[in-house]
N, C-alpha and C. Protein backbone atom coordinates (compact mmCIF):
# COMPACT_ATOMS: atom_id res chain seq x y z
N UNK A 1 110.33 94.32 146.30
CA UNK A 1 109.24 93.70 145.59
C UNK A 1 109.47 92.19 145.57
N UNK A 2 108.43 91.42 145.71
CA UNK A 2 108.53 89.97 145.71
C UNK A 2 108.86 89.46 144.31
N UNK A 3 109.55 88.31 144.23
CA UNK A 3 109.93 87.78 142.91
C UNK A 3 108.74 87.57 141.97
N UNK A 4 107.62 87.11 142.48
CA UNK A 4 106.44 86.87 141.63
C UNK A 4 105.92 88.17 141.04
N UNK A 5 105.90 89.22 141.85
CA UNK A 5 105.45 90.52 141.35
C UNK A 5 106.43 91.07 140.32
N UNK A 6 107.72 90.87 140.55
CA UNK A 6 108.74 91.34 139.61
C UNK A 6 108.56 90.66 138.26
N UNK A 7 108.35 89.36 138.28
CA UNK A 7 108.14 88.61 137.03
C UNK A 7 106.89 89.12 136.32
N UNK A 8 105.84 89.33 137.06
CA UNK A 8 104.59 89.82 136.48
C UNK A 8 104.77 91.19 135.84
N UNK A 9 105.48 92.08 136.52
CA UNK A 9 105.74 93.42 135.98
C UNK A 9 106.59 93.33 134.72
N UNK A 10 107.62 92.51 134.75
CA UNK A 10 108.49 92.36 133.57
C UNK A 10 107.70 91.79 132.40
N UNK A 11 106.91 90.76 132.63
CA UNK A 11 106.10 90.17 131.55
C UNK A 11 105.10 91.18 131.00
N UNK A 12 104.50 91.96 131.86
CA UNK A 12 103.56 92.99 131.42
C UNK A 12 104.24 94.03 130.53
N UNK A 13 105.43 94.45 130.94
CA UNK A 13 106.18 95.43 130.14
C UNK A 13 106.60 94.84 128.79
N UNK A 14 107.00 93.58 128.78
CA UNK A 14 107.37 92.93 127.51
C UNK A 14 106.16 92.85 126.59
N UNK A 15 105.01 92.49 127.13
CA UNK A 15 103.80 92.42 126.30
C UNK A 15 103.43 93.80 125.78
N UNK A 16 103.51 94.82 126.61
CA UNK A 16 103.20 96.18 126.18
C UNK A 16 104.14 96.61 125.07
N UNK A 17 105.43 96.34 125.24
CA UNK A 17 106.42 96.68 124.21
C UNK A 17 106.09 95.97 122.91
N UNK A 18 105.74 94.68 122.97
CA UNK A 18 105.42 93.92 121.77
C UNK A 18 104.21 94.51 121.05
N UNK A 19 103.17 94.86 121.79
CA UNK A 19 101.96 95.44 121.19
C UNK A 19 102.28 96.78 120.53
N UNK A 20 103.02 97.63 121.24
CA UNK A 20 103.40 98.93 120.66
C UNK A 20 104.28 98.74 119.43
N UNK A 21 105.18 97.80 119.48
CA UNK A 21 106.04 97.52 118.33
C UNK A 21 105.20 97.12 117.12
N UNK A 22 104.22 96.25 117.32
CA UNK A 22 103.36 95.81 116.23
C UNK A 22 102.58 96.98 115.63
N UNK A 23 102.11 97.86 116.48
CA UNK A 23 101.32 99.00 116.00
C UNK A 23 102.19 100.00 115.26
N UNK A 24 103.36 100.30 115.80
CA UNK A 24 104.20 101.37 115.26
C UNK A 24 105.17 100.96 114.17
N UNK A 25 105.42 99.68 114.00
CA UNK A 25 106.45 99.29 113.05
C UNK A 25 105.93 98.44 111.90
N UNK A 26 104.74 98.72 111.45
CA UNK A 26 104.21 97.96 110.33
C UNK A 26 105.02 98.26 109.08
N UNK A 27 105.37 97.23 108.37
CA UNK A 27 106.16 97.36 107.16
C UNK A 27 105.25 97.60 105.96
N UNK A 28 105.71 98.38 105.00
CA UNK A 28 104.92 98.55 103.78
C UNK A 28 104.70 97.20 103.10
N UNK A 29 103.50 97.01 102.59
CA UNK A 29 103.15 95.74 101.95
C UNK A 29 103.03 95.87 100.44
N UNK A 30 103.17 97.06 99.93
CA UNK A 30 103.05 97.27 98.49
C UNK A 30 103.39 98.69 98.14
N UNK A 31 103.15 99.01 96.87
CA UNK A 31 103.47 100.35 96.38
C UNK A 31 102.40 100.75 95.37
N UNK A 32 102.04 102.03 95.40
CA UNK A 32 101.11 102.60 94.44
C UNK A 32 101.80 103.78 93.78
N UNK A 33 101.73 103.82 92.46
CA UNK A 33 102.37 104.92 91.73
C UNK A 33 101.35 105.67 90.89
N UNK A 34 101.44 106.98 90.94
CA UNK A 34 100.68 107.89 90.08
C UNK A 34 101.73 108.61 89.25
N UNK A 35 101.83 108.31 87.97
CA UNK A 35 102.90 108.85 87.12
C UNK A 35 104.25 108.53 87.76
N UNK A 36 105.03 109.54 88.11
CA UNK A 36 106.36 109.31 88.70
C UNK A 36 106.35 109.31 90.23
N UNK A 37 105.21 109.54 90.83
CA UNK A 37 105.10 109.63 92.28
C UNK A 37 104.61 108.31 92.86
N UNK A 38 105.40 107.72 93.75
CA UNK A 38 105.02 106.43 94.36
C UNK A 38 104.89 106.56 95.86
N UNK A 39 103.99 105.74 96.40
CA UNK A 39 103.73 105.69 97.83
C UNK A 39 103.87 104.25 98.29
N UNK A 40 104.65 104.03 99.35
CA UNK A 40 104.73 102.72 99.98
C UNK A 40 103.51 102.59 100.87
N UNK A 41 102.80 101.47 100.75
CA UNK A 41 101.54 101.34 101.47
C UNK A 41 101.52 100.16 102.43
N UNK A 42 100.86 100.41 103.55
CA UNK A 42 100.48 99.35 104.47
C UNK A 42 99.07 98.94 104.06
N UNK A 43 98.77 97.67 104.22
CA UNK A 43 97.44 97.18 103.90
C UNK A 43 96.86 96.55 105.17
N UNK A 44 95.83 97.19 105.75
CA UNK A 44 95.24 96.60 106.95
C UNK A 44 94.66 95.23 106.64
N UNK A 45 94.81 94.35 107.60
CA UNK A 45 94.37 92.97 107.42
C UNK A 45 93.25 92.66 108.40
N UNK A 46 92.09 92.41 107.88
CA UNK A 46 90.96 92.07 108.75
C UNK A 46 90.16 93.29 109.16
N UNK A 47 88.98 93.03 109.66
CA UNK A 47 88.02 94.08 110.02
C UNK A 47 88.56 95.03 111.09
N UNK A 48 89.22 94.48 112.12
CA UNK A 48 89.71 95.31 113.22
C UNK A 48 90.78 96.29 112.73
N UNK A 49 91.74 95.81 111.96
CA UNK A 49 92.79 96.69 111.44
C UNK A 49 92.22 97.72 110.48
N UNK A 50 91.23 97.31 109.68
CA UNK A 50 90.61 98.26 108.75
C UNK A 50 89.85 99.34 109.51
N UNK A 51 89.21 98.97 110.60
CA UNK A 51 88.48 99.95 111.40
C UNK A 51 89.42 100.94 112.08
N UNK A 52 90.58 100.46 112.52
CA UNK A 52 91.55 101.33 113.19
C UNK A 52 92.27 102.23 112.19
N UNK A 53 92.66 101.68 111.05
CA UNK A 53 93.34 102.49 110.04
C UNK A 53 94.51 103.27 110.61
N UNK A 54 94.53 104.57 110.39
CA UNK A 54 95.60 105.43 110.89
C UNK A 54 95.27 106.11 112.21
N UNK A 55 94.18 105.69 112.85
CA UNK A 55 93.80 106.29 114.13
C UNK A 55 94.95 106.23 115.12
N UNK A 56 95.06 107.25 115.92
CA UNK A 56 96.00 107.36 117.04
C UNK A 56 97.46 107.55 116.63
N UNK A 57 97.77 107.50 115.37
CA UNK A 57 99.15 107.73 114.95
C UNK A 57 99.46 109.21 115.01
N UNK A 58 100.70 109.52 115.29
CA UNK A 58 101.13 110.91 115.40
C UNK A 58 101.41 111.55 114.05
N UNK A 59 101.83 110.75 113.06
CA UNK A 59 102.19 111.30 111.76
C UNK A 59 102.27 110.18 110.73
N UNK A 60 102.55 110.60 109.51
CA UNK A 60 102.70 109.67 108.39
C UNK A 60 103.75 110.27 107.47
N UNK A 61 104.72 109.47 107.05
CA UNK A 61 105.75 109.97 106.14
C UNK A 61 105.13 110.35 104.80
N UNK A 62 105.72 111.32 104.12
CA UNK A 62 105.18 111.83 102.86
C UNK A 62 105.05 110.74 101.80
N UNK A 63 105.96 109.79 101.80
CA UNK A 63 105.92 108.75 100.77
C UNK A 63 105.30 107.44 101.27
N UNK A 64 104.53 107.52 102.37
CA UNK A 64 103.85 106.35 102.90
C UNK A 64 102.35 106.58 102.90
N UNK A 65 101.61 105.49 102.96
CA UNK A 65 100.16 105.58 103.02
C UNK A 65 99.56 104.28 103.52
N UNK A 66 98.26 104.27 103.63
CA UNK A 66 97.53 103.07 104.00
C UNK A 66 96.50 102.81 102.91
N UNK A 67 96.52 101.59 102.40
CA UNK A 67 95.61 101.20 101.32
C UNK A 67 94.58 100.22 101.86
N UNK A 68 93.32 100.59 101.70
CA UNK A 68 92.21 99.73 102.08
C UNK A 68 91.74 99.01 100.84
N UNK A 69 91.76 97.69 100.88
CA UNK A 69 91.36 96.86 99.75
C UNK A 69 90.05 96.18 100.13
N UNK A 70 89.01 96.45 99.37
CA UNK A 70 87.70 95.88 99.65
C UNK A 70 87.44 94.68 98.75
N UNK A 71 86.56 93.80 99.20
CA UNK A 71 86.27 92.58 98.45
C UNK A 71 85.60 92.88 97.10
N UNK A 72 84.80 93.94 97.06
CA UNK A 72 84.16 94.31 95.80
C UNK A 72 83.97 95.81 95.76
N UNK A 73 83.77 96.31 94.56
CA UNK A 73 83.54 97.75 94.40
C UNK A 73 82.25 98.15 95.11
N UNK A 74 82.28 99.32 95.70
CA UNK A 74 81.11 99.83 96.40
C UNK A 74 81.36 101.26 96.85
N UNK A 75 80.38 101.81 97.54
CA UNK A 75 80.52 103.14 98.14
C UNK A 75 81.04 102.91 99.55
N UNK A 76 82.34 103.15 99.75
CA UNK A 76 82.98 102.88 101.03
C UNK A 76 83.26 104.19 101.76
N UNK A 77 82.46 104.50 102.80
CA UNK A 77 82.62 105.77 103.54
C UNK A 77 83.77 105.71 104.55
N UNK A 78 84.36 106.89 104.80
CA UNK A 78 85.44 107.04 105.78
C UNK A 78 85.16 108.25 106.64
N UNK A 79 85.73 108.26 107.85
CA UNK A 79 85.64 109.40 108.73
C UNK A 79 86.99 109.59 109.39
N UNK A 80 87.13 110.67 110.16
CA UNK A 80 88.42 111.05 110.73
C UNK A 80 88.45 110.94 112.25
N UNK A 81 87.64 110.06 112.80
CA UNK A 81 87.60 109.89 114.25
C UNK A 81 88.95 109.40 114.76
N UNK A 82 89.41 110.01 115.85
CA UNK A 82 90.67 109.66 116.52
C UNK A 82 91.91 109.87 115.66
N UNK A 83 91.80 110.69 114.63
CA UNK A 83 92.97 111.04 113.81
C UNK A 83 93.66 112.23 114.45
N UNK A 84 94.98 112.32 114.22
CA UNK A 84 95.76 113.40 114.82
C UNK A 84 96.34 114.36 113.80
N UNK A 85 96.13 114.10 112.52
CA UNK A 85 96.68 114.95 111.47
C UNK A 85 95.79 114.84 110.23
N UNK A 86 95.82 115.85 109.36
CA UNK A 86 94.99 115.81 108.15
C UNK A 86 95.57 114.84 107.12
N UNK A 87 94.68 114.26 106.34
CA UNK A 87 95.08 113.34 105.27
C UNK A 87 94.27 113.61 104.01
N UNK A 88 94.76 113.07 102.91
CA UNK A 88 94.00 113.00 101.66
C UNK A 88 93.44 111.59 101.56
N UNK A 89 92.21 111.49 101.09
CA UNK A 89 91.57 110.21 100.83
C UNK A 89 91.39 110.08 99.33
N UNK A 90 91.86 108.97 98.77
CA UNK A 90 91.78 108.76 97.32
C UNK A 90 91.05 107.44 97.08
N UNK A 91 89.86 107.52 96.48
CA UNK A 91 89.09 106.33 96.13
C UNK A 91 89.43 105.94 94.69
N UNK A 92 89.67 104.64 94.46
CA UNK A 92 90.00 104.13 93.13
C UNK A 92 89.14 102.92 92.79
N UNK A 93 88.80 102.81 91.51
CA UNK A 93 88.02 101.64 91.09
C UNK A 93 88.94 100.44 90.92
N UNK A 94 88.38 99.31 90.48
CA UNK A 94 89.16 98.07 90.38
C UNK A 94 90.29 98.17 89.36
N UNK A 95 90.21 99.11 88.43
CA UNK A 95 91.27 99.31 87.44
C UNK A 95 92.32 100.32 87.87
N UNK A 96 92.18 100.90 89.06
CA UNK A 96 93.15 101.87 89.55
C UNK A 96 92.86 103.31 89.13
N UNK A 97 91.68 103.55 88.55
CA UNK A 97 91.31 104.91 88.16
C UNK A 97 90.76 105.65 89.37
N UNK A 98 91.24 106.85 89.61
CA UNK A 98 90.76 107.66 90.73
C UNK A 98 89.34 108.13 90.43
N UNK A 99 88.41 107.77 91.35
CA UNK A 99 87.00 108.14 91.15
C UNK A 99 86.58 109.27 92.09
N UNK A 100 87.38 109.52 93.14
CA UNK A 100 87.02 110.59 94.08
C UNK A 100 88.23 110.90 94.96
N UNK A 101 88.36 112.18 95.34
CA UNK A 101 89.42 112.62 96.25
C UNK A 101 88.82 113.58 97.28
N UNK A 102 89.22 113.40 98.51
CA UNK A 102 88.97 114.38 99.56
C UNK A 102 90.35 114.85 100.00
N UNK A 103 90.62 116.15 99.83
CA UNK A 103 91.96 116.69 100.06
C UNK A 103 92.07 117.39 101.41
N UNK A 104 93.15 117.09 102.12
CA UNK A 104 93.50 117.74 103.38
C UNK A 104 92.35 117.70 104.40
N UNK A 105 91.80 116.52 104.59
CA UNK A 105 90.67 116.33 105.50
C UNK A 105 91.18 116.44 106.94
N UNK A 106 90.60 117.35 107.73
CA UNK A 106 91.08 117.54 109.10
C UNK A 106 90.57 116.45 110.04
N UNK A 107 91.28 116.24 111.15
CA UNK A 107 90.79 115.29 112.16
C UNK A 107 89.42 115.73 112.68
N UNK A 108 88.64 114.78 113.10
CA UNK A 108 87.34 115.05 113.71
C UNK A 108 87.57 115.53 115.13
N UNK A 109 87.10 116.71 115.45
CA UNK A 109 87.30 117.29 116.79
C UNK A 109 86.08 117.13 117.68
N UNK A 110 84.90 116.95 117.09
CA UNK A 110 83.70 116.73 117.89
C UNK A 110 82.73 115.85 117.11
N UNK A 111 81.97 115.10 117.85
CA UNK A 111 81.02 114.18 117.21
C UNK A 111 79.68 114.86 117.02
N UNK A 112 78.92 114.51 116.01
CA UNK A 112 79.22 113.43 115.06
C UNK A 112 80.28 113.87 114.04
N UNK A 113 81.14 112.93 113.68
CA UNK A 113 82.19 113.20 112.70
C UNK A 113 81.58 113.22 111.29
N UNK A 114 82.17 114.05 110.44
CA UNK A 114 81.77 114.10 109.03
C UNK A 114 82.16 112.78 108.38
N UNK A 115 81.29 112.27 107.53
CA UNK A 115 81.57 111.04 106.78
C UNK A 115 81.85 111.44 105.34
N UNK A 116 82.95 110.92 104.80
CA UNK A 116 83.37 111.22 103.43
C UNK A 116 83.17 109.97 102.59
N UNK A 117 82.60 110.17 101.38
CA UNK A 117 82.41 109.02 100.50
C UNK A 117 82.31 109.49 99.06
N UNK A 118 82.63 108.59 98.13
CA UNK A 118 82.56 108.95 96.71
C UNK A 118 81.14 108.81 96.18
N UNK A 119 80.93 109.37 95.00
CA UNK A 119 79.65 109.17 94.32
C UNK A 119 79.70 107.94 93.42
N UNK A 120 80.92 107.53 93.06
CA UNK A 120 81.11 106.33 92.24
C UNK A 120 81.65 105.19 93.09
N UNK A 121 81.45 103.97 92.62
CA UNK A 121 81.94 102.81 93.33
C UNK A 121 83.46 102.74 93.26
N UNK A 122 84.05 102.23 94.35
CA UNK A 122 85.50 102.09 94.43
C UNK A 122 85.84 100.73 95.04
N UNK A 123 87.03 100.25 94.70
CA UNK A 123 87.55 98.99 95.25
C UNK A 123 88.65 99.27 96.28
N UNK A 124 89.33 100.43 96.10
CA UNK A 124 90.46 100.78 96.95
C UNK A 124 90.27 102.20 97.50
N UNK A 125 90.78 102.40 98.72
CA UNK A 125 90.86 103.75 99.28
C UNK A 125 92.28 103.91 99.82
N UNK A 126 92.95 104.96 99.38
CA UNK A 126 94.31 105.24 99.80
C UNK A 126 94.30 106.46 100.70
N UNK A 127 94.91 106.33 101.89
CA UNK A 127 95.09 107.45 102.80
C UNK A 127 96.55 107.87 102.74
N UNK A 128 96.78 109.15 102.46
CA UNK A 128 98.12 109.71 102.40
C UNK A 128 98.13 111.03 103.16
N UNK A 129 99.32 111.61 103.36
CA UNK A 129 99.41 112.87 104.09
C UNK A 129 98.58 113.95 103.40
N UNK A 130 98.12 114.90 104.18
CA UNK A 130 97.32 116.00 103.66
C UNK A 130 98.02 116.77 102.55
N UNK A 131 97.27 117.11 101.52
CA UNK A 131 97.72 117.87 100.35
C UNK A 131 98.65 117.11 99.41
N UNK A 132 98.82 115.81 99.62
CA UNK A 132 99.65 115.00 98.72
C UNK A 132 99.10 115.05 97.30
N UNK A 133 97.78 114.96 97.17
CA UNK A 133 97.18 114.95 95.83
C UNK A 133 97.44 116.27 95.11
N UNK A 134 97.44 117.38 95.84
CA UNK A 134 97.74 118.68 95.22
C UNK A 134 99.19 118.75 94.79
N UNK A 135 100.10 118.35 95.67
CA UNK A 135 101.53 118.46 95.36
C UNK A 135 101.95 117.52 94.23
N UNK A 136 101.24 116.40 94.06
CA UNK A 136 101.61 115.44 93.02
C UNK A 136 100.66 115.49 91.81
N UNK A 137 99.78 116.49 91.79
CA UNK A 137 98.86 116.69 90.67
C UNK A 137 98.00 115.45 90.38
N UNK A 138 97.49 114.85 91.44
CA UNK A 138 96.59 113.69 91.31
C UNK A 138 95.17 114.21 91.38
N UNK A 139 94.36 113.81 90.42
CA UNK A 139 92.98 114.28 90.39
C UNK A 139 92.05 113.17 89.93
N UNK A 140 90.77 113.43 90.00
CA UNK A 140 89.78 112.47 89.55
C UNK A 140 90.09 112.12 88.09
N UNK A 141 90.11 110.82 87.79
CA UNK A 141 90.45 110.37 86.45
C UNK A 141 91.90 109.94 86.30
N UNK A 142 92.77 110.35 87.25
CA UNK A 142 94.17 109.89 87.22
C UNK A 142 94.20 108.38 87.36
N UNK A 143 95.27 107.78 86.84
CA UNK A 143 95.44 106.32 86.94
C UNK A 143 96.56 105.99 87.89
N UNK A 144 96.35 104.93 88.62
CA UNK A 144 97.36 104.44 89.57
C UNK A 144 97.79 103.04 89.16
N UNK A 145 99.07 102.76 89.35
CA UNK A 145 99.60 101.41 89.20
C UNK A 145 99.72 100.84 90.59
N UNK A 146 99.03 99.75 90.83
CA UNK A 146 99.06 99.11 92.14
C UNK A 146 99.99 97.92 92.10
N UNK A 147 101.07 97.98 92.85
CA UNK A 147 102.03 96.90 92.94
C UNK A 147 101.87 96.27 94.31
N UNK A 148 100.99 95.28 94.36
CA UNK A 148 100.62 94.67 95.63
C UNK A 148 101.15 93.24 95.69
N UNK A 149 101.31 92.72 96.91
CA UNK A 149 101.80 91.33 97.04
C UNK A 149 100.80 90.33 96.52
């Protein structure tokens, strides 16, 4: 292989590694606690990251989650397109009160995907592993402590 092609291949592999590293190694940015149960959360930054969410990931640790923080309370719908595992969706108002839960929501296997949304306005949506809310006895009306940066 010519030196120029070798350099190009090496640079391409380095860039690919960097992109995969960024996607797979996001550090928790905060913590949410329901009574004695806490979840380390990633917080997507910007519209693109919020749209991607947990799509394409193979799994999620039991004590990890993704927290979507919206600019104002509203009816924020979610779907399971390109998900690979079931999750619980927990909508919370600006005070951290749980206003709606969708438990053990399966990945979308065919379109159109089901859209999940609360009946009450929410400021936050937390995605955690499937059945987390059942195992930790989290229900509508539960309170969360949000420890965010």
